[in-house]
C-alpha atoms as a PDB file:
ATOM      1  CA  UNK A   1      91.949  98.558 105.236  1.00  0.00           C
ATOM      2  CA  UNK A   2      92.761 102.020 103.452  1.00  0.00           C
ATOM      3  CA  UNK A   3      94.490 100.392 100.457  1.00  0.00           C
ATOM      4  CA  UNK A   4      96.101  97.291  98.888  1.00  0.00           C
ATOM      5  CA  UNK A   5      99.194  96.024 100.905  1.00  0.00           C
ATOM      6  CA  UNK A   6     102.494  97.114  98.992  1.00  0.00           C
ATOM      7  CA  UNK A   7     103.621  93.636  98.454  1.00  0.00           C
ATOM      8  CA  UNK A   8     100.329  92.136  97.963  1.00  0.00           C
ATOM      9  CA  UNK A   9     100.227  89.815 101.018  1.00  0.00           C
ATOM     10  CA  UNK A  10      97.416  88.376 102.870  1.00  0.00           C
ATOM     11  CA  UNK A  11      97.697  86.574 106.259  1.00  0.00           C
ATOM     12  CA  UNK A  12      94.674  85.410 108.022  1.00  0.00           C
ATOM     13  CA  UNK A  13      94.512  84.285 111.759  1.00  0.00           C
ATOM     14  CA  UNK A  14      94.232  80.850 112.502  1.00  0.00           C
ATOM     15  CA  UNK A  15      90.993  81.091 114.515  1.00  0.00           C
ATOM     16  CA  UNK A  16      89.273  83.392 112.071  1.00  0.00           C
ATOM     17  CA  UNK A  17      90.137  81.185 109.066  1.00  0.00           C
ATOM     18  CA  UNK A  18      89.088  77.965 110.814  1.00  0.00           C
ATOM     19  CA  UNK A  19      85.561  79.379 111.632  1.00  0.00           C
ATOM     20  CA  UNK A  20      85.152  80.383 107.958  1.00  0.00           C
ATOM     21  CA  UNK A  21      86.373  77.016 106.838  1.00  0.00           C
ATOM     22  CA  UNK A  22      84.141  74.954 109.193  1.00  0.00           C
ATOM     23  CA  UNK A  23      81.210  77.226 108.205  1.00  0.00           C
ATOM     24  CA  UNK A  24      81.713  76.568 104.520  1.00  0.00           C
ATOM     25  CA  UNK A  25      82.160  72.742 104.973  1.00  0.00           C
ATOM     26  CA  UNK A  26      78.813  72.442 106.923  1.00  0.00           C
ATOM     27  CA  UNK A  27      77.103  74.517 104.202  1.00  0.00           C
ATOM     28  CA  UNK A  28      78.453  72.354 101.440  1.00  0.00           C
ATOM     29  CA  UNK A  29      77.143  69.122 103.278  1.00  0.00           C
ATOM     30  CA  UNK A  30      73.871  70.786 104.260  1.00  0.00           C
ATOM     31  CA  UNK A  31      73.261  72.097 100.686  1.00  0.00           C
ATOM     32  CA  UNK A  32      74.196  69.000  98.862  1.00  0.00           C
ATOM     33  CA  UNK A  33      72.197  66.642 101.269  1.00  0.00           C
ATOM     34  CA  UNK A  34      69.041  68.688 100.232  1.00  0.00           C
ATOM     35  CA  UNK A  35      69.391  68.341  96.420  1.00  0.00           C
ATOM     36  CA  UNK A  36      66.906  66.418  94.503  1.00  0.00           C
ATOM     37  CA  UNK A  37      67.669  64.116  91.633  1.00  0.00           C
ATOM     38  CA  UNK A  38      67.639  66.513  89.018  1.00  0.00           C
ATOM     39  CA  UNK A  39      69.704  69.321  91.000  1.00  0.00           C
ATOM     40  CA  UNK A  40      72.864  67.207  90.348  1.00  0.00           C
ATOM     41  CA  UNK A  41      72.657  67.712  86.527  1.00  0.00           C
ATOM     42  CA  UNK A  42      72.098  71.369  86.789  1.00  0.00           C
ATOM     43  CA  UNK A  43      74.677  73.661  84.969  1.00  0.00           C
ATOM     44  CA  UNK A  44      77.022  75.752  86.918  1.00  0.00           C
ATOM     45  CA  UNK A  45      79.168  78.857  86.435  1.00  0.00           C
ATOM     46  CA  UNK A  46      82.223  76.317  85.968  1.00  0.00           C
ATOM     47  CA  UNK A  47      82.222  75.965  82.102  1.00  0.00           C
ATOM     48  CA  UNK A  48      81.073  72.747  81.100  1.00  0.00           C
ATOM     49  CA  UNK A  49      80.617  71.267  84.631  1.00  0.00           C
ATOM     50  CA  UNK A  50      77.334  70.299  86.223  1.00  0.00           C
ATOM     51  CA  UNK A  51      76.478  70.412  89.840  1.00  0.00           C
ATOM     52  CA  UNK A  52      77.852  66.883  90.397  1.00  0.00           C
ATOM     53  CA  UNK A  53      80.905  67.643  88.492  1.00  0.00           C
ATOM     54  CA  UNK A  54      81.648  70.472  91.059  1.00  0.00           C
ATOM     55  CA  UNK A  55      80.973  68.099  93.810  1.00  0.00           C
ATOM     56  CA  UNK A  56      83.496  65.651  92.405  1.00  0.00           C
ATOM     57  CA  UNK A  57      86.156  68.326  91.980  1.00  0.00           C
ATOM     58  CA  UNK A  58      85.467  69.501  95.551  1.00  0.00           C
ATOM     59  CA  UNK A  59      85.826  65.629  96.943  1.00  0.00           C
ATOM     60  CA  UNK A  60      89.251  65.691  95.297  1.00  0.00           C
ATOM     61  CA  UNK A  61      90.433  68.855  96.461  1.00  0.00           C
ATOM     62  CA  UNK A  62      89.359  68.244 100.121  1.00  0.00           C
ATOM     63  CA  UNK A  63      91.576  65.139  99.832  1.00  0.00           C
ATOM     64  CA  UNK A  64      94.402  67.340  99.033  1.00  0.00           C
ATOM     65  CA  UNK A  65      93.494  69.531 102.250  1.00  0.00           C
ATOM     66  CA  UNK A  66      93.528  66.359 104.197  1.00  0.00           C
ATOM     67  CA  UNK A  67      97.178  65.552 102.967  1.00  0.00           C
ATOM     68  CA  UNK A  68      98.118  69.098 104.259  1.00  0.00           C
ATOM     69  CA  UNK A  69      96.641  68.571 107.566  1.00  0.00           C
ATOM     70  CA  UNK A  70      98.635  65.717 108.081  1.00  0.00           C
ATOM     71  CA  UNK A  71     102.003  67.494 107.325  1.00  0.00           C
ATOM     72  CA  UNK A  72     102.825  69.875 109.919  1.00  0.00           C
ATOM     73  CA  UNK A  73     106.217  71.379 109.623  1.00  0.00           C
ATOM     74  CA  UNK A  74     108.664  73.745 111.565  1.00  0.00           C
ATOM     75  CA  UNK A  75     109.686  75.549 108.099  1.00  0.00           C
ATOM     76  CA  UNK A  76     108.703  79.132 107.586  1.00  0.00           C
ATOM     77  CA  UNK A  77     105.754  79.793 105.284  1.00  0.00           C
ATOM     78  CA  UNK A  78     106.654  80.065 101.539  1.00  0.00           C
ATOM     79  CA  UNK A  79     103.218  81.501 100.559  1.00  0.00           C
ATOM     80  CA  UNK A  80     100.454  83.197 102.132  1.00  0.00           C
ATOM     81  CA  UNK A  81      96.684  83.297 101.485  1.00  0.00           C
ATOM     82  CA  UNK A  82      97.212  85.269  98.345  1.00  0.00           C
ATOM     83  CA  UNK A  83     100.333  83.818  97.154  1.00  0.00           C
ATOM     84  CA  UNK A  84      98.785  80.419  96.961  1.00  0.00           C
ATOM     85  CA  UNK A  85      96.480  81.718  94.361  1.00  0.00           C
ATOM     86  CA  UNK A  86      99.403  83.293  92.506  1.00  0.00           C
ATOM     87  CA  UNK A  87     101.182  79.931  92.278  1.00  0.00           C
ATOM     88  CA  UNK A  88      97.823  78.193  91.341  1.00  0.00           C
ATOM     89  CA  UNK A  89      97.694  80.632  88.397  1.00  0.00           C
ATOM     90  CA  UNK A  90     101.345  80.250  87.352  1.00  0.00           C
ATOM     91  CA  UNK A  91     100.748  76.449  87.255  1.00  0.00           C
ATOM     92  CA  UNK A  92      98.025  76.711  84.778  1.00  0.00           C
ATOM     93  CA  UNK A  93      94.834  76.812  87.010  1.00  0.00           C
ATOM     94  CA  UNK A  94      94.944  72.929  87.532  1.00  0.00           C
ATOM     95  CA  UNK A  95      97.747  72.657  90.168  1.00  0.00           C
ATOM     96  CA  UNK A  96      99.578  70.300  87.716  1.00  0.00           C
ATOM     97  CA  UNK A  97      99.933  72.617  84.751  1.00  0.00           C
ATOM     98  CA  UNK A  98      97.041  71.256  82.927  1.00  0.00           C
ATOM     99  CA  UNK A  99      93.536  72.611  83.980  1.00  0.00           C
ATOM    100  CA  UNK A 100      91.865  71.295  80.949  1.00  0.00           C
ATOM    101  CA  UNK A 101      92.931  67.875  81.769  1.00  0.00           C
ATOM    102  CA  UNK A 102      91.683  68.077  85.333  1.00  0.00           C
ATOM    103  CA  UNK A 103      88.345  69.387  84.154  1.00  0.00           C
ATOM    104  CA  UNK A 104      87.805  66.283  81.645  1.00  0.00           C
ATOM    105  CA  UNK A 105      88.931  63.921  84.692  1.00  0.00           C
ATOM    106  CA  UNK A 106      86.302  65.513  86.904  1.00  0.00           C
ATOM    107  CA  UNK A 107      83.583  65.124  84.502  1.00  0.00           C
ATOM    108  CA  UNK A 108      84.399  61.409  83.956  1.00  0.00           C
ATOM    109  CA  UNK A 109      84.720  60.873  87.687  1.00  0.00           C
ATOM    110  CA  UNK A 110      81.335  62.304  88.137  1.00  0.00           C
ATOM    111  CA  UNK A 111      79.801  60.471  85.321  1.00  0.00           C
ATOM    112  CA  UNK A 112      81.167  57.069  86.933  1.00  0.00           C
ATOM    113  CA  UNK A 113      78.727  57.405  89.715  1.00  0.00           C
ATOM    114  CA  UNK A 114      75.551  55.335  88.989  1.00  0.00           C
ATOM    115  CA  UNK A 115      73.539  57.466  91.590  1.00  0.00           C
ATOM    116  CA  UNK A 116      74.437  60.941  92.928  1.00  0.00           C
ATOM    117  CA  UNK A 117      73.927  59.274  96.407  1.00  0.00           C
ATOM    118  CA  UNK A 118      77.520  57.536  96.022  1.00  0.00           C
ATOM    119  CA  UNK A 119      79.138  60.804  95.152  1.00  0.00           C
ATOM    120  CA  UNK A 120      77.412  62.396  98.145  1.00  0.00           C
ATOM    121  CA  UNK A 121      78.522  59.560 100.506  1.00  0.00           C
ATOM    122  CA  UNK A 122      82.116  59.874  99.485  1.00  0.00           C
ATOM    123  CA  UNK A 123      82.161  63.836  99.712  1.00  0.00           C
ATOM    124  CA  UNK A 124      80.575  63.612 103.003  1.00  0.00           C
ATOM    125  CA  UNK A 125      83.222  61.228 104.434  1.00  0.00           C
ATOM    126  CA  UNK A 126      85.994  63.492 102.889  1.00  0.00           C
ATOM    127  CA  UNK A 127      84.463  66.702 104.031  1.00  0.00           C
ATOM    128  CA  UNK A 128      83.673  65.509 107.525  1.00  0.00           C
ATOM    129  CA  UNK A 129      87.391  64.268 107.941  1.00  0.00           C
ATOM    130  CA  UNK A 130      88.821  67.550 106.570  1.00  0.00           C
ATOM    131  CA  UNK A 131      86.698  69.667 108.842  1.00  0.00           C
ATOM    132  CA  UNK A 132      87.477  67.474 112.013  1.00  0.00           C
ATOM    133  CA  UNK A 133      91.073  67.400 111.108  1.00  0.00           C
ATOM    134  CA  UNK A 134      91.195  71.249 110.519  1.00  0.00           C
ATOM    135  CA  UNK A 135      89.534  71.682 114.104  1.00  0.00           C
ATOM    136  CA  UNK A 136      92.341  69.302 115.604  1.00  0.00           C
ATOM    137  CA  UNK A 137      95.205  71.035 113.968  1.00  0.00           C
ATOM    138  CA  UNK A 138      97.309  73.424 116.056  1.00  0.00           C
ATOM    139  CA  UNK A 139      98.205  76.903 114.796  1.00  0.00           C
ATOM    140  CA  UNK A 140     101.548  76.624 112.927  1.00  0.00           C
ATOM    141  CA  UNK A 141     102.535  75.615 109.460  1.00  0.00           C
ATOM    142  CA  UNK A 142     101.965  72.664 106.923  1.00  0.00           C
ATOM    143  CA  UNK A 143     103.255  71.529 103.806  1.00  0.00           C
ATOM    144  CA  UNK A 144     100.869  71.095 100.840  1.00  0.00           C
ATOM    145  CA  UNK A 145     101.271  71.070  97.045  1.00  0.00           C
ATOM    146  CA  UNK A 146     105.025  71.963  97.316  1.00  0.00           C
ATOM    147  CA  UNK A 147     104.212  75.197  99.466  1.00  0.00           C
ATOM    148  CA  UNK A 148     104.395  75.773 103.216  1.00  0.00           C
ATOM    149  CA  UNK A 149     101.633  77.511 104.402  1.00  0.00           C
ATOM    150  CA  UNK A 150     100.655  79.088 107.920  1.00  0.00           C
ATOM    151  CA  UNK A 151      97.516  77.154 109.028  1.00  0.00           C
ATOM    152  CA  UNK A 152      95.302  80.211 108.820  1.00  0.00           C
ATOM    153  CA  UNK A 153      96.386  80.762 105.182  1.00  0.00           C
ATOM    154  CA  UNK A 154      95.792  77.049 104.534  1.00  0.00           C
ATOM    155  CA  UNK A 155      92.307  77.175 106.041  1.00  0.00           C
ATOM    156  CA  UNK A 156      91.636  80.637 104.041  1.00  0.00           C
ATOM    157  CA  UNK A 157      92.492  79.103 100.673  1.00  0.00           C
ATOM    158  CA  UNK A 158      89.870  76.393 101.055  1.00  0.00           C
ATOM    159  CA  UNK A 159      87.281  78.844 102.549  1.00  0.00           C
ATOM    160  CA  UNK A 160      87.798  80.799  99.455  1.00  0.00           C
ATOM    161  CA  UNK A 161      87.680  77.776  97.212  1.00  0.00           C
ATOM    162  CA  UNK A 162      84.283  76.423  98.713  1.00  0.00           C
ATOM    163  CA  UNK A 163      82.796  80.159  98.713  1.00  0.00           C
ATOM    164  CA  UNK A 164      83.720  80.408  94.751  1.00  0.00           C
ATOM    165  CA  UNK A 165      82.038  77.084  94.062  1.00  0.00           C
ATOM    166  CA  UNK A 166      79.096  77.722  96.275  1.00  0.00           C
ATOM    167  CA  UNK A 167      78.355  80.850  94.116  1.00  0.00           C
ATOM    168  CA  UNK A 168      79.012  78.703  91.002  1.00  0.00           C
ATOM    169  CA  UNK A 169      75.981  76.543  91.987  1.00  0.00           C
ATOM    170  CA  UNK A 170      73.683  79.414  91.817  1.00  0.00           C
ATOM    171  CA  UNK A 171      73.548  79.573  88.028  1.00  0.00           C
ATOM    172  CA  UNK A 172      70.414  77.482  87.761  1.00  0.00           C
ATOM    173  CA  UNK A 173      69.528  76.759  91.317  1.00  0.00           C
ATOM    174  CA  UNK A 174      68.114  78.782  93.818  1.00  0.00           C
ATOM    175  CA  UNK A 175      70.118  78.673  97.059  1.00  0.00           C
ATOM    176  CA  UNK A 176      70.519  80.612 100.389  1.00  0.00           C
ATOM    177  CA  UNK A 177      73.351  82.933 100.524  1.00  0.00           C
ATOM    178  CA  UNK A 178      76.883  81.417 100.984  1.00  0.00           C
ATOM    179  CA  UNK A 179      78.439  81.767 104.522  1.00  0.00           C
ATOM    180  CA  UNK A 180      79.290  85.519 105.031  1.00  0.00           C
ATOM    181  CA  UNK A 181      82.643  84.707 106.806  1.00  0.00           C
ATOM    182  CA  UNK A 182      84.097  82.642 103.888  1.00  0.00           C
ATOM    183  CA  UNK A 183      82.649  85.122 101.233  1.00  0.00           C
ATOM    184  CA  UNK A 184      84.403  87.871 103.122  1.00  0.00           C
ATOM    185  CA  UNK A 185      87.671  86.011 103.123  1.00  0.00           C
ATOM    186  CA  UNK A 186      87.048  85.508  99.245  1.00  0.00           C
ATOM    187  CA  UNK A 187      86.639  89.227  98.661  1.00  0.00           C
ATOM    188  CA  UNK A 188      89.689  90.074 100.709  1.00  0.00           C
ATOM    189  CA  UNK A 189      91.651  87.589  98.575  1.00  0.00           C
ATOM    190  CA  UNK A 190      90.539  89.024  95.438  1.00  0.00           C
ATOM    191  CA  UNK A 191      91.193  92.767  96.728  1.00  0.00           C
ATOM    192  CA  UNK A 192      94.622  91.882  97.330  1.00  0.00           C
ATOM    193  CA  UNK A 193      95.362  89.766  94.140  1.00  0.00           C
ATOM    194  CA  UNK A 194      93.900  92.764  91.967  1.00  0.00           C
ATOM    195  CA  UNK A 195      96.109  95.360  93.645  1.00  0.00           C
ATOM    196  CA  UNK A 196      93.256  97.612  93.804  1.00  0.00           C
ATOM    197  CA  UNK A 197      92.438 100.037  96.415  1.00  0.00           C
ATOM    198  CA  UNK A 198      89.348  98.306  98.188  1.00  0.00           C
ATOM    199  CA  UNK A 199      87.523 101.803  98.251  1.00  0.00           C
ATOM    200  CA  UNK A 200      87.198 101.350  94.374  1.00  0.00           C
ATOM    201  CA  UNK A 201      85.235  98.292  94.879  1.00  0.00           C
ATOM    202  CA  UNK A 202      82.961  99.405  97.525  1.00  0.00           C
ATOM    203  CA  UNK A 203      79.881  99.750  95.559  1.00  0.00           C
ATOM    204  CA  UNK A 204      80.075  96.194  94.681  1.00  0.00           C
ATOM    205  CA  UNK A 205      78.780  93.392  97.085  1.00  0.00           C
ATOM    206  CA  UNK A 206      80.960  90.495  98.173  1.00  0.00           C
ATOM    207  CA  UNK A 207      79.351  87.987  95.767  1.00  0.00           C
ATOM    208  CA  UNK A 208      79.858  90.353  92.698  1.00  0.00           C
ATOM    209  CA  UNK A 209      83.660  90.922  93.571  1.00  0.00           C
ATOM    210  CA  UNK A 210      84.412  87.237  94.174  1.00  0.00           C
ATOM    211  CA  UNK A 211      82.573  86.357  90.758  1.00  0.00           C
ATOM    212  CA  UNK A 212      84.499  88.743  88.700  1.00  0.00           C
ATOM    213  CA  UNK A 213      87.548  87.715  90.525  1.00  0.00           C
ATOM    214  CA  UNK A 214      87.004  84.209  89.928  1.00  0.00           C
ATOM    215  CA  UNK A 215      86.471  84.927  86.212  1.00  0.00           C
ATOM    216  CA  UNK A 216      82.942  83.852  86.232  1.00  0.00           C
ATOM    217  CA  UNK A 217      81.404  87.223  85.230  1.00  0.00           C
ATOM    218  CA  UNK A 218      82.696  89.813  82.890  1.00  0.00           C
ATOM    219  CA  UNK A 219      83.726  93.052  84.897  1.00  0.00           C
ATOM    220  CA  UNK A 220      82.172  95.256  82.275  1.00  0.00           C
ATOM    221  CA  UNK A 221      78.660  93.772  83.005  1.00  0.00           C
ATOM    222  CA  UNK A 222      78.764  95.020  86.578  1.00  0.00           C
ATOM    223  CA  UNK A 223      80.996  98.221  86.290  1.00  0.00           C
ATOM    224  CA  UNK A 224      84.019  96.623  88.023  1.00  0.00           C
ATOM    225  CA  UNK A 225      87.519  97.533  87.117  1.00  0.00           C
ATOM    226  CA  UNK A 226      89.221  95.396  84.482  1.00  0.00           C
ATOM    227  CA  UNK A 227      92.109  94.585  86.874  1.00  0.00           C
ATOM    228  CA  UNK A 228      89.690  92.613  89.179  1.00  0.00           C
ATOM    229  CA  UNK A 229      89.023  90.112  86.388  1.00  0.00           C
ATOM    230  CA  UNK A 230      89.987  86.426  86.997  1.00  0.00           C
ATOM    231  CA  UNK A 231      92.648  87.182  89.509  1.00  0.00           C
ATOM    232  CA  UNK A 232      92.077  83.789  91.243  1.00  0.00           C
ATOM    233  CA  UNK A 233      93.223  81.998  88.158  1.00  0.00           C
END
């Protein structure tokens, strides 16, 4: 990859993206299952959200992924793995035009669980179904959130989402590295969205590129180009 694509597109092979998504879901469930009682209340890089809040958000999001897995279509894709994030940002970062309302809803949802075990049980059921459904889905296209995505690009958007939130958890928790395949797809997505030549970002590791691209850290603190900041919306 010698430079950013001229039209800022990113299409990912079905098998490559599926492997990254499955690894991310397995990592999500394994990590969450190992949390102690106090880990769920730790702060994250998502402003105002605890670890429990992030997992409630992921449960809701993986339910949307399930909806997409059940809607294969013969229509041509309208968005690719980068275009999905452009549409997400244009919708206000919440998918419904009101990211702040979603953030409040997620906090209240997480608080409604008397014990984190209940949240973990729901997340486990949802994530397992999404993983198994993705494995069964043949290569093609699906409808989700008013878009049509190639299956590889659908899987990529969720591998990226999971990679970002995996990094979010490390604000206060000492966790193993995120799955390399998903983190690599997240980096490629950020590179394309930024429009920067990837060679300019070569000195930065994947986690740093993704954290800057997700708006979690200021680019000036890590000598990253300003154009990289918050490109994921």
